[in-house]
Amino acid sequence: MLPFRSEIRNSPTQPTIKIFLSDESLDERIKRHLQHFKEIEEIEICDSIAQNRACESITIYLKDDVDINKMKQSIDSSLWWYFEEDLVD
């Protein structure tokens, strides 16, 4: 099982990136890990109500004029690095 999955959500008000973790106990640690991105305006841990999904997700709101596709790639890379380092320890 993969440690996380991310998706771009295009809402009418503001596009977001959702991250679903395999281990929801890591939500707060991952939230702190992502706060180093200057392009991120806000990070929320939200209850997920969709079927066949994790009970919680991390929602990332980006600042205006940030390329959401590039940010998703950067966040994914950072999370892969985080989980690889965590597995080595």
PDB file of N, CA and C in Angstrom:
ATOM      1  N   MET A   1       0.840  -1.174   0.000  1.00  0.00           N
ATOM      2  CA  MET A   1       0.000   0.000   0.000  1.00  0.00           C
ATOM      3  C   MET A   1       0.893   1.248   0.000  1.00  0.00           C
ATOM      4  N   LEU A   2       0.537   2.200  -0.794  1.00  0.00           N
ATOM      5  CA  LEU A   2       1.295   3.451  -0.865  1.00  0.00           C
ATOM      6  C   LEU A   2       1.065   4.280   0.390  1.00  0.00           C
ATOM      7  N   PRO A   3       2.046   5.055   0.815  1.00  0.00           N
ATOM      8  CA  PRO A   3       1.890   5.842   2.032  1.00  0.00           C
ATOM      9  C   PRO A   3       0.935   7.032   1.885  1.00  0.00           C
ATOM     10  N   PHE A   4       0.728   7.483   0.641  1.00  0.00           N
ATOM     11  CA  PHE A   4      -0.182   8.610   0.426  1.00  0.00           C
ATOM     12  C   PHE A   4      -0.683   8.616  -1.006  1.00  0.00           C
ATOM     13  N   ARG A   5      -1.736   9.385  -1.208  1.00  0.00           N
ATOM     14  CA  ARG A   5      -2.289   9.629  -2.538  1.00  0.00           C
ATOM     15  C   ARG A   5      -2.699  11.095  -2.561  1.00  0.00           C
ATOM     16  N   SER A   6      -2.457  11.767  -3.667  1.00  0.00           N
ATOM     17  CA  SER A   6      -2.836  13.181  -3.768  1.00  0.00           C
ATOM     18  C   SER A   6      -3.676  13.405  -5.021  1.00  0.00           C
ATOM     19  N   GLU A   7      -4.545  14.394  -4.926  1.00  0.00           N
ATOM     20  CA  GLU A   7      -5.438  14.740  -6.036  1.00  0.00           C
ATOM     21  C   GLU A   7      -5.603  16.251  -6.103  1.00  0.00           C
ATOM     22  N   ILE A   8      -5.810  16.730  -7.306  1.00  0.00           N
ATOM     23  CA  ILE A   8      -6.191  18.136  -7.488  1.00  0.00           C
ATOM     24  C   ILE A   8      -7.704  18.186  -7.523  1.00  0.00           C
ATOM     25  N   ARG A   9      -8.263  19.096  -6.729  1.00  0.00           N
ATOM     26  CA  ARG A   9      -9.714  19.305  -6.714  1.00  0.00           C
ATOM     27  C   ARG A   9      -9.987  20.700  -7.253  1.00  0.00           C
ATOM     28  N   ASN A  10     -10.754  20.767  -8.318  1.00  0.00           N
ATOM     29  CA  ASN A  10     -11.086  22.054  -8.931  1.00  0.00           C
ATOM     30  C   ASN A  10     -12.454  22.512  -8.454  1.00  0.00           C
ATOM     31  N   SER A  11     -12.443  23.279  -7.390  1.00  0.00           N
ATOM     32  CA  SER A  11     -13.703  23.822  -6.889  1.00  0.00           C
ATOM     33  C   SER A  11     -13.931  25.187  -7.529  1.00  0.00           C
ATOM     34  N   PRO A  12     -15.168  25.657  -7.553  1.00  0.00           N
ATOM     35  CA  PRO A  12     -15.449  26.963  -8.165  1.00  0.00           C
ATOM     36  C   PRO A  12     -14.760  28.127  -7.449  1.00  0.00           C
ATOM     37  N   THR A  13     -14.566  27.995  -6.137  1.00  0.00           N
ATOM     38  CA  THR A  13     -13.976  29.109  -5.392  1.00  0.00           C
ATOM     39  C   THR A  13     -12.456  29.107  -5.452  1.00  0.00           C
ATOM     40  N   GLN A  14     -11.846  27.935  -5.250  1.00  0.00           N
ATOM     41  CA  GLN A  14     -10.393  27.872  -5.230  1.00  0.00           C
ATOM     42  C   GLN A  14      -9.940  26.423  -5.426  1.00  0.00           C
ATOM     43  N   PRO A  15      -9.106  26.154  -6.406  1.00  0.00           N
ATOM     44  CA  PRO A  15      -8.602  24.794  -6.572  1.00  0.00           C
ATOM     45  C   PRO A  15      -7.748  24.403  -5.368  1.00  0.00           C
ATOM     46  N   THR A  16      -7.824  23.149  -4.989  1.00  0.00           N
ATOM     47  CA  THR A  16      -7.061  22.660  -3.845  1.00  0.00           C
ATOM     48  C   THR A  16      -6.356  21.360  -4.205  1.00  0.00           C
ATOM     49  N   ILE A  17      -5.426  20.992  -3.355  1.00  0.00           N
ATOM     50  CA  ILE A  17      -4.779  19.694  -3.446  1.00  0.00           C
ATOM     51  C   ILE A  17      -5.188  18.919  -2.198  1.00  0.00           C
ATOM     52  N   LYS A  18      -5.690  17.712  -2.402  1.00  0.00           N
ATOM     53  CA  LYS A  18      -6.083  16.845  -1.294  1.00  0.00           C
ATOM     54  C   LYS A  18      -5.049  15.744  -1.167  1.00  0.00           C
ATOM     55  N   ILE A  19      -4.667  15.460   0.060  1.00  0.00           N
ATOM     56  CA  ILE A  19      -3.737  14.368   0.334  1.00  0.00           C
ATOM     57  C   ILE A  19      -4.418  13.390   1.268  1.00  0.00           C
ATOM     58  N   PHE A  20      -4.415  12.142   0.882  1.00  0.00           N
ATOM     59  CA  PHE A  20      -4.972  11.067   1.684  1.00  0.00           C
ATOM     60  C   PHE A  20      -3.818  10.181   2.131  1.00  0.00           C
ATOM     61  N   LEU A  21      -3.651  10.037   3.436  1.00  0.00           N
ATOM     62  CA  LEU A  21      -2.562   9.238   3.985  1.00  0.00           C
ATOM     63  C   LEU A  21      -3.050   7.848   4.342  1.00  0.00           C
ATOM     64  N   SER A  22      -2.200   6.857   4.141  1.00  0.00           N
ATOM     65  CA  SER A  22      -2.530   5.499   4.568  1.00  0.00           C
ATOM     66  C   SER A  22      -2.606   5.420   6.082  1.00  0.00           C
ATOM     67  N   ASP A  23      -1.743   6.167   6.750  1.00  0.00           N
ATOM     68  CA  ASP A  23      -1.705   6.202   8.207  1.00  0.00           C
ATOM     69  C   ASP A  23      -2.137   7.593   8.665  1.00  0.00           C
ATOM     70  N   GLU A  24      -3.395   7.720   9.046  1.00  0.00           N
ATOM     71  CA  GLU A  24      -3.936   9.028   9.414  1.00  0.00           C
ATOM     72  C   GLU A  24      -3.322   9.593  10.687  1.00  0.00           C
ATOM     73  N   SER A  25      -2.632   8.792  11.447  1.00  0.00           N
ATOM     74  CA  SER A  25      -1.970   9.312  12.652  1.00  0.00           C
ATOM     75  C   SER A  25      -0.839  10.271  12.288  1.00  0.00           C
ATOM     76  N   LEU A  26      -0.435  10.277  11.019  1.00  0.00           N
ATOM     77  CA  LEU A  26       0.640  11.159  10.547  1.00  0.00           C
ATOM     78  C   LEU A  26       0.128  12.507  10.034  1.00  0.00           C
ATOM     79  N   ASP A  27      -1.164  12.728  10.059  1.00  0.00           N
ATOM     80  CA  ASP A  27      -1.729  13.965   9.499  1.00  0.00           C
ATOM     81  C   ASP A  27      -1.042  15.224  10.015  1.00  0.00           C
ATOM     82  N   GLU A  28      -0.897  15.355  11.319  1.00  0.00           N
ATOM     83  CA  GLU A  28      -0.284  16.563  11.896  1.00  0.00           C
ATOM     84  C   GLU A  28       1.183  16.686  11.499  1.00  0.00           C
ATOM     85  N   ARG A  29       1.925  15.574  11.493  1.00  0.00           N
ATOM     86  CA  ARG A  29       3.338  15.615  11.095  1.00  0.00           C
ATOM     87  C   ARG A  29       3.486  16.039   9.641  1.00  0.00           C
ATOM     88  N   ILE A  30       2.649  15.517   8.777  1.00  0.00           N
ATOM     89  CA  ILE A  30       2.710  15.874   7.354  1.00  0.00           C
ATOM     90  C   ILE A  30       2.296  17.333   7.163  1.00  0.00           C
ATOM     91  N   LYS A  31       1.307  17.771   7.902  1.00  0.00           N
ATOM     92  CA  LYS A  31       0.901  19.173   7.827  1.00  0.00           C
ATOM     93  C   LYS A  31       2.084  20.078   8.178  1.00  0.00           C
ATOM     94  N   ARG A  32       2.791  19.777   9.250  1.00  0.00           N
ATOM     95  CA  ARG A  32       3.970  20.576   9.629  1.00  0.00           C
ATOM     96  C   ARG A  32       5.061  20.484   8.560  1.00  0.00           C
ATOM     97  N   HIS A  33       5.239  19.302   7.990  1.00  0.00           N
ATOM     98  CA  HIS A  33       6.243  19.117   6.942  1.00  0.00           C
ATOM     99  C   HIS A  33       5.950  20.007   5.722  1.00  0.00           C
ATOM    100  N   LEU A  34       4.696  20.162   5.374  1.00  0.00           N
ATOM    101  CA  LEU A  34       4.319  20.927   4.181  1.00  0.00           C
ATOM    102  C   LEU A  34       4.342  22.433   4.387  1.00  0.00           C
ATOM    103  N   GLN A  35       4.407  22.887   5.614  1.00  0.00           N
ATOM    104  CA  GLN A  35       4.347  24.323   5.884  1.00  0.00           C
ATOM    105  C   GLN A  35       5.578  25.086   5.379  1.00  0.00           C
ATOM    106  N   HIS A  36       6.602  24.387   4.928  1.00  0.00           N
ATOM    107  CA  HIS A  36       7.784  25.083   4.407  1.00  0.00           C
ATOM    108  C   HIS A  36       7.572  25.629   2.988  1.00  0.00           C
ATOM    109  N   PHE A  37       6.517  25.211   2.318  1.00  0.00           N
ATOM    110  CA  PHE A  37       6.244  25.716   0.969  1.00  0.00           C
ATOM    111  C   PHE A  37       5.677  27.130   1.057  1.00  0.00           C
ATOM    112  N   LYS A  38       6.367  28.080   0.473  1.00  0.00           N
ATOM    113  CA  LYS A  38       5.900  29.470   0.525  1.00  0.00           C
ATOM    114  C   LYS A  38       4.676  29.704  -0.364  1.00  0.00           C
ATOM    115  N   GLU A  39       4.396  28.792  -1.275  1.00  0.00           N
ATOM    116  CA  GLU A  39       3.255  28.933  -2.182  1.00  0.00           C
ATOM    117  C   GLU A  39       1.928  28.510  -1.533  1.00  0.00           C
ATOM    118  N   ILE A  40       2.008  27.886  -0.377  1.00  0.00           N
ATOM    119  CA  ILE A  40       0.811  27.410   0.306  1.00  0.00           C
ATOM    120  C   ILE A  40       0.249  28.515   1.201  1.00  0.00           C
ATOM    121  N   GLU A  41      -1.033  28.766   1.036  1.00  0.00           N
ATOM    122  CA  GLU A  41      -1.699  29.773   1.858  1.00  0.00           C
ATOM    123  C   GLU A  41      -2.198  29.163   3.171  1.00  0.00           C
ATOM    124  N   GLU A  42      -2.789  27.966   3.083  1.00  0.00           N
ATOM    125  CA  GLU A  42      -3.367  27.337   4.268  1.00  0.00           C
ATOM    126  C   GLU A  42      -3.405  25.824   4.096  1.00  0.00           C
ATOM    127  N   ILE A  43      -3.296  25.113   5.214  1.00  0.00           N
ATOM    128  CA  ILE A  43      -3.389  23.653   5.225  1.00  0.00           C
ATOM    129  C   ILE A  43      -4.392  23.264   6.294  1.00  0.00           C
ATOM    130  N   GLU A  44      -5.362  22.443   5.914  1.00  0.00           N
ATOM    131  CA  GLU A  44      -6.383  21.991   6.857  1.00  0.00           C
ATOM    132  C   GLU A  44      -6.442  20.466   6.878  1.00  0.00           C
ATOM    133  N   ILE A  45      -6.726  19.927   8.045  1.00  0.00           N
ATOM    134  CA  ILE A  45      -7.040  18.506   8.154  1.00  0.00           C
ATOM    135  C   ILE A  45      -8.555  18.431   8.245  1.00  0.00           C
ATOM    136  N   CYS A  46      -9.155  17.709   7.301  1.00  0.00           N
ATOM    137  CA  CYS A  46     -10.612  17.674   7.190  1.00  0.00           C
ATOM    138  C   CYS A  46     -11.121  16.247   7.276  1.00  0.00           C
ATOM    139  N   ASP A  47     -12.339  16.107   7.793  1.00  0.00           N
ATOM    140  CA  ASP A  47     -12.999  14.815   7.732  1.00  0.00           C
ATOM    141  C   ASP A  47     -13.395  14.570   6.293  1.00  0.00           C
ATOM    142  N   SER A  48     -13.249  13.332   5.859  1.00  0.00           N
ATOM    143  CA  SER A  48     -13.603  12.966   4.495  1.00  0.00           C
ATOM    144  C   SER A  48     -14.925  12.208   4.542  1.00  0.00           C
ATOM    145  N   ILE A  49     -15.875  12.611   3.711  1.00  0.00           N
ATOM    146  CA  ILE A  49     -17.182  11.967   3.733  1.00  0.00           C
ATOM    147  C   ILE A  49     -17.433  11.126   2.487  1.00  0.00           C
ATOM    148  N   ALA A  50     -16.514  11.110   1.554  1.00  0.00           N
ATOM    149  CA  ALA A  50     -16.684  10.336   0.327  1.00  0.00           C
ATOM    150  C   ALA A  50     -16.557   8.838   0.623  1.00  0.00           C
ATOM    151  N   GLN A  51     -17.224   8.052  -0.154  1.00  0.00           N
ATOM    152  CA  GLN A  51     -17.131   6.603   0.006  1.00  0.00           C
ATOM    153  C   GLN A  51     -15.783   6.105  -0.500  1.00  0.00           C
ATOM    154  N   ASN A  52     -15.335   4.990   0.088  1.00  0.00           N
ATOM    155  CA  ASN A  52     -14.090   4.335  -0.329  1.00  0.00           C
ATOM    156  C   ASN A  52     -12.872   5.243  -0.222  1.00  0.00           C
ATOM    157  N   ARG A  53     -12.867   6.124   0.757  1.00  0.00           N
ATOM    158  CA  ARG A  53     -11.756   7.039   0.971  1.00  0.00           C
ATOM    159  C   ARG A  53     -11.301   6.945   2.414  1.00  0.00           C
ATOM    160  N   ALA A  54     -10.218   7.583   2.704  1.00  0.00           N
ATOM    161  CA  ALA A  54      -9.753   7.679   4.083  1.00  0.00           C
ATOM    162  C   ALA A  54     -10.755   8.510   4.880  1.00  0.00           C
ATOM    163  N   CYS A  55     -10.734   8.350   6.189  1.00  0.00           N
ATOM    164  CA  CYS A  55     -11.648   9.111   7.048  1.00  0.00           C
ATOM    165  C   CYS A  55     -11.260  10.577   7.120  1.00  0.00           C
ATOM    166  N   GLU A  56      -9.981  10.860   6.896  1.00  0.00           N
ATOM    167  CA  GLU A  56      -9.487  12.244   6.930  1.00  0.00           C
ATOM    168  C   GLU A  56      -8.646  12.522   5.698  1.00  0.00           C
ATOM    169  N   SER A  57      -8.537  13.786   5.402  1.00  0.00           N
ATOM    170  CA  SER A  57      -7.652  14.208   4.323  1.00  0.00           C
ATOM    171  C   SER A  57      -6.999  15.525   4.722  1.00  0.00           C
ATOM    172  N   ILE A  58      -5.912  15.838   4.057  1.00  0.00           N
ATOM    173  CA  ILE A  58      -5.240  17.116   4.241  1.00  0.00           C
ATOM    174  C   ILE A  58      -5.560  17.947   3.008  1.00  0.00           C
ATOM    175  N   THR A  59      -6.129  19.109   3.232  1.00  0.00           N
ATOM    176  CA  THR A  59      -6.499  20.002   2.135  1.00  0.00           C
ATOM    177  C   THR A  59      -5.515  21.162   2.101  1.00  0.00           C
ATOM    178  N   ILE A  60      -4.951  21.391   0.926  1.00  0.00           N
ATOM    179  CA  ILE A  60      -3.948  22.439   0.747  1.00  0.00           C
ATOM    180  C   ILE A  60      -4.523  23.521  -0.160  1.00  0.00           C
ATOM    181  N   TYR A  61      -4.544  24.738   0.369  1.00  0.00           N
ATOM    182  CA  TYR A  61      -4.993  25.912  -0.383  1.00  0.00           C
ATOM    183  C   TYR A  61      -3.753  26.686  -0.799  1.00  0.00           C
ATOM    184  N   LEU A  62      -3.682  27.013  -2.079  1.00  0.00           N
ATOM    185  CA  LEU A  62      -2.515  27.711  -2.614  1.00  0.00           C
ATOM    186  C   LEU A  62      -2.775  29.204  -2.723  1.00  0.00           C
ATOM    187  N   LYS A  63      -1.700  29.957  -2.726  1.00  0.00           N
ATOM    188  CA  LYS A  63      -1.800  31.401  -2.945  1.00  0.00           C
ATOM    189  C   LYS A  63      -2.214  31.656  -4.392  1.00  0.00           C
ATOM    190  N   ASP A  64      -2.698  32.860  -4.636  1.00  0.00           N
ATOM    191  CA  ASP A  64      -3.121  33.233  -5.990  1.00  0.00           C
ATOM    192  C   ASP A  64      -1.957  33.129  -6.967  1.00  0.00           C
ATOM    193  N   ASP A  65      -2.285  32.787  -8.203  1.00  0.00           N
ATOM    194  CA  ASP A  65      -1.322  32.727  -9.314  1.00  0.00           C
ATOM    195  C   ASP A  65      -0.235  31.675  -9.146  1.00  0.00           C
ATOM    196  N   VAL A  66      -0.494  30.636  -8.352  1.00  0.00           N
ATOM    197  CA  VAL A  66       0.448  29.529  -8.225  1.00  0.00           C
ATOM    198  C   VAL A  66      -0.035  28.413  -9.153  1.00  0.00           C
ATOM    199  N   ASP A  67       0.878  27.836  -9.920  1.00  0.00           N
ATOM    200  CA  ASP A  67       0.541  26.743 -10.825  1.00  0.00           C
ATOM    201  C   ASP A  67       0.258  25.484  -9.996  1.00  0.00           C
ATOM    202  N   ILE A  68      -0.997  25.066  -9.980  1.00  0.00           N
ATOM    203  CA  ILE A  68      -1.404  23.954  -9.128  1.00  0.00           C
ATOM    204  C   ILE A  68      -0.762  22.632  -9.557  1.00  0.00           C
ATOM    205  N   ASN A  69      -0.551  22.451 -10.845  1.00  0.00           N
ATOM    206  CA  ASN A  69       0.073  21.216 -11.322  1.00  0.00           C
ATOM    207  C   ASN A  69       1.533  21.110 -10.877  1.00  0.00           C
ATOM    208  N   LYS A  70       2.258  22.220 -10.989  1.00  0.00           N
ATOM    209  CA  LYS A  70       3.655  22.217 -10.525  1.00  0.00           C
ATOM    210  C   LYS A  70       3.730  22.028  -9.013  1.00  0.00           C
ATOM    211  N   MET A  71       2.795  22.641  -8.293  1.00  0.00           N
ATOM    212  CA  MET A  71       2.798  22.495  -6.837  1.00  0.00           C
ATOM    213  C   MET A  71       2.475  21.064  -6.425  1.00  0.00           C
ATOM    214  N   LYS A  72       1.562  20.429  -7.124  1.00  0.00           N
ATOM    215  CA  LYS A  72       1.246  19.031  -6.813  1.00  0.00           C
ATOM    216  C   LYS A  72       2.490  18.170  -7.003  1.00  0.00           C
ATOM    217  N   GLN A  73       3.212  18.403  -8.081  1.00  0.00           N
ATOM    218  CA  GLN A  73       4.447  17.644  -8.325  1.00  0.00           C
ATOM    219  C   GLN A  73       5.472  17.902  -7.229  1.00  0.00           C
ATOM    220  N   SER A  74       5.622  19.152  -6.825  1.00  0.00           N
ATOM    221  CA  SER A  74       6.574  19.489  -5.762  1.00  0.00           C
ATOM    222  C   SER A  74       6.175  18.855  -4.433  1.00  0.00           C
ATOM    223  N   ILE A  75       4.901  18.914  -4.118  1.00  0.00           N
ATOM    224  CA  ILE A  75       4.412  18.323  -2.873  1.00  0.00           C
ATOM    225  C   ILE A  75       4.586  16.809  -2.905  1.00  0.00           C
ATOM    226  N   ASP A  76       4.228  16.191  -4.023  1.00  0.00           N
ATOM    227  CA  ASP A  76       4.400  14.735  -4.145  1.00  0.00           C
ATOM    228  C   ASP A  76       5.867  14.343  -3.969  1.00  0.00           C
ATOM    229  N   SER A  77       6.757  15.078  -4.606  1.00  0.00           N
ATOM    230  CA  SER A  77       8.193  14.779  -4.472  1.00  0.00           C
ATOM    231  C   SER A  77       8.653  14.922  -3.025  1.00  0.00           C
ATOM    232  N   SER A  78       8.199  15.971  -2.386  1.00  0.00           N
ATOM    233  CA  SER A  78       8.577  16.206  -0.997  1.00  0.00           C
ATOM    234  C   SER A  78       8.046  15.096  -0.093  1.00  0.00           C
ATOM    235  N   LEU A  79       6.824  14.652  -0.349  1.00  0.00           N
ATOM    236  CA  LEU A  79       6.260  13.564   0.471  1.00  0.00           C
ATOM    237  C   LEU A  79       6.959  12.236   0.219  1.00  0.00           C
ATOM    238  N   TRP A  80       7.324  11.959  -1.029  1.00  0.00           N
ATOM    239  CA  TRP A  80       8.078  10.721  -1.298  1.00  0.00           C
ATOM    240  C   TRP A  80       9.412  10.757  -0.567  1.00  0.00           C
ATOM    241  N   TRP A  81      10.076  11.907  -0.591  1.00  0.00           N
ATOM    242  CA  TRP A  81      11.325  12.053   0.138  1.00  0.00           C
ATOM    243  C   TRP A  81      11.089  11.838   1.635  1.00  0.00           C
ATOM    244  N   TYR A  82      10.043  12.440   2.167  1.00  0.00           N
ATOM    245  CA  TYR A  82       9.712  12.316   3.594  1.00  0.00           C
ATOM    246  C   TYR A  82       9.509  10.847   3.973  1.00  0.00           C
ATOM    247  N   PHE A  83       8.728  10.131   3.205  1.00  0.00           N
ATOM    248  CA  PHE A  83       8.448   8.731   3.544  1.00  0.00           C
ATOM    249  C   PHE A  83       9.660   7.832   3.318  1.00  0.00           C
ATOM    250  N   GLU A  84      10.477   8.127   2.333  1.00  0.00           N
ATOM    251  CA  GLU A  84      11.708   7.342   2.150  1.00  0.00           C
ATOM    252  C   GLU A  84      12.646   7.535   3.320  1.00  0.00           C
ATOM    253  N   GLU A  85      12.810   8.772   3.776  1.00  0.00           N
ATOM    254  CA  GLU A  85      13.661   9.052   4.930  1.00  0.00           C
ATOM    255  C   GLU A  85      13.109   8.389   6.189  1.00  0.00           C
ATOM    256  N   ASP A  86      11.791   8.431   6.343  1.00  0.00           N
ATOM    257  CA  ASP A  86      11.147   7.848   7.512  1.00  0.00           C
ATOM    258  C   ASP A  86      11.321   6.326   7.534  1.00  0.00           C
ATOM    259  N   LEU A  87      11.282   5.706   6.365  1.00  0.00           N
ATOM    260  CA  LEU A  87      11.441   4.262   6.290  1.00  0.00           C
ATOM    261  C   LEU A  87      12.883   3.836   6.576  1.00  0.00           C
ATOM    262  N   VAL A  88      13.831   4.691   6.266  1.00  0.00           N
ATOM    263  CA  VAL A  88      15.244   4.383   6.498  1.00  0.00           C
ATOM    264  C   VAL A  88      15.572   4.446   7.985  1.00  0.00           C
ATOM    265  N   ASP A  89      14.968   5.396   8.703  1.00  0.00           N
ATOM    266  CA  ASP A  89      15.248   5.574  10.137  1.00  0.00           C
ATOM    267  C   ASP A  89      14.838   4.389  10.973  1.00  0.00           C
TER     268      ASP A  89
END
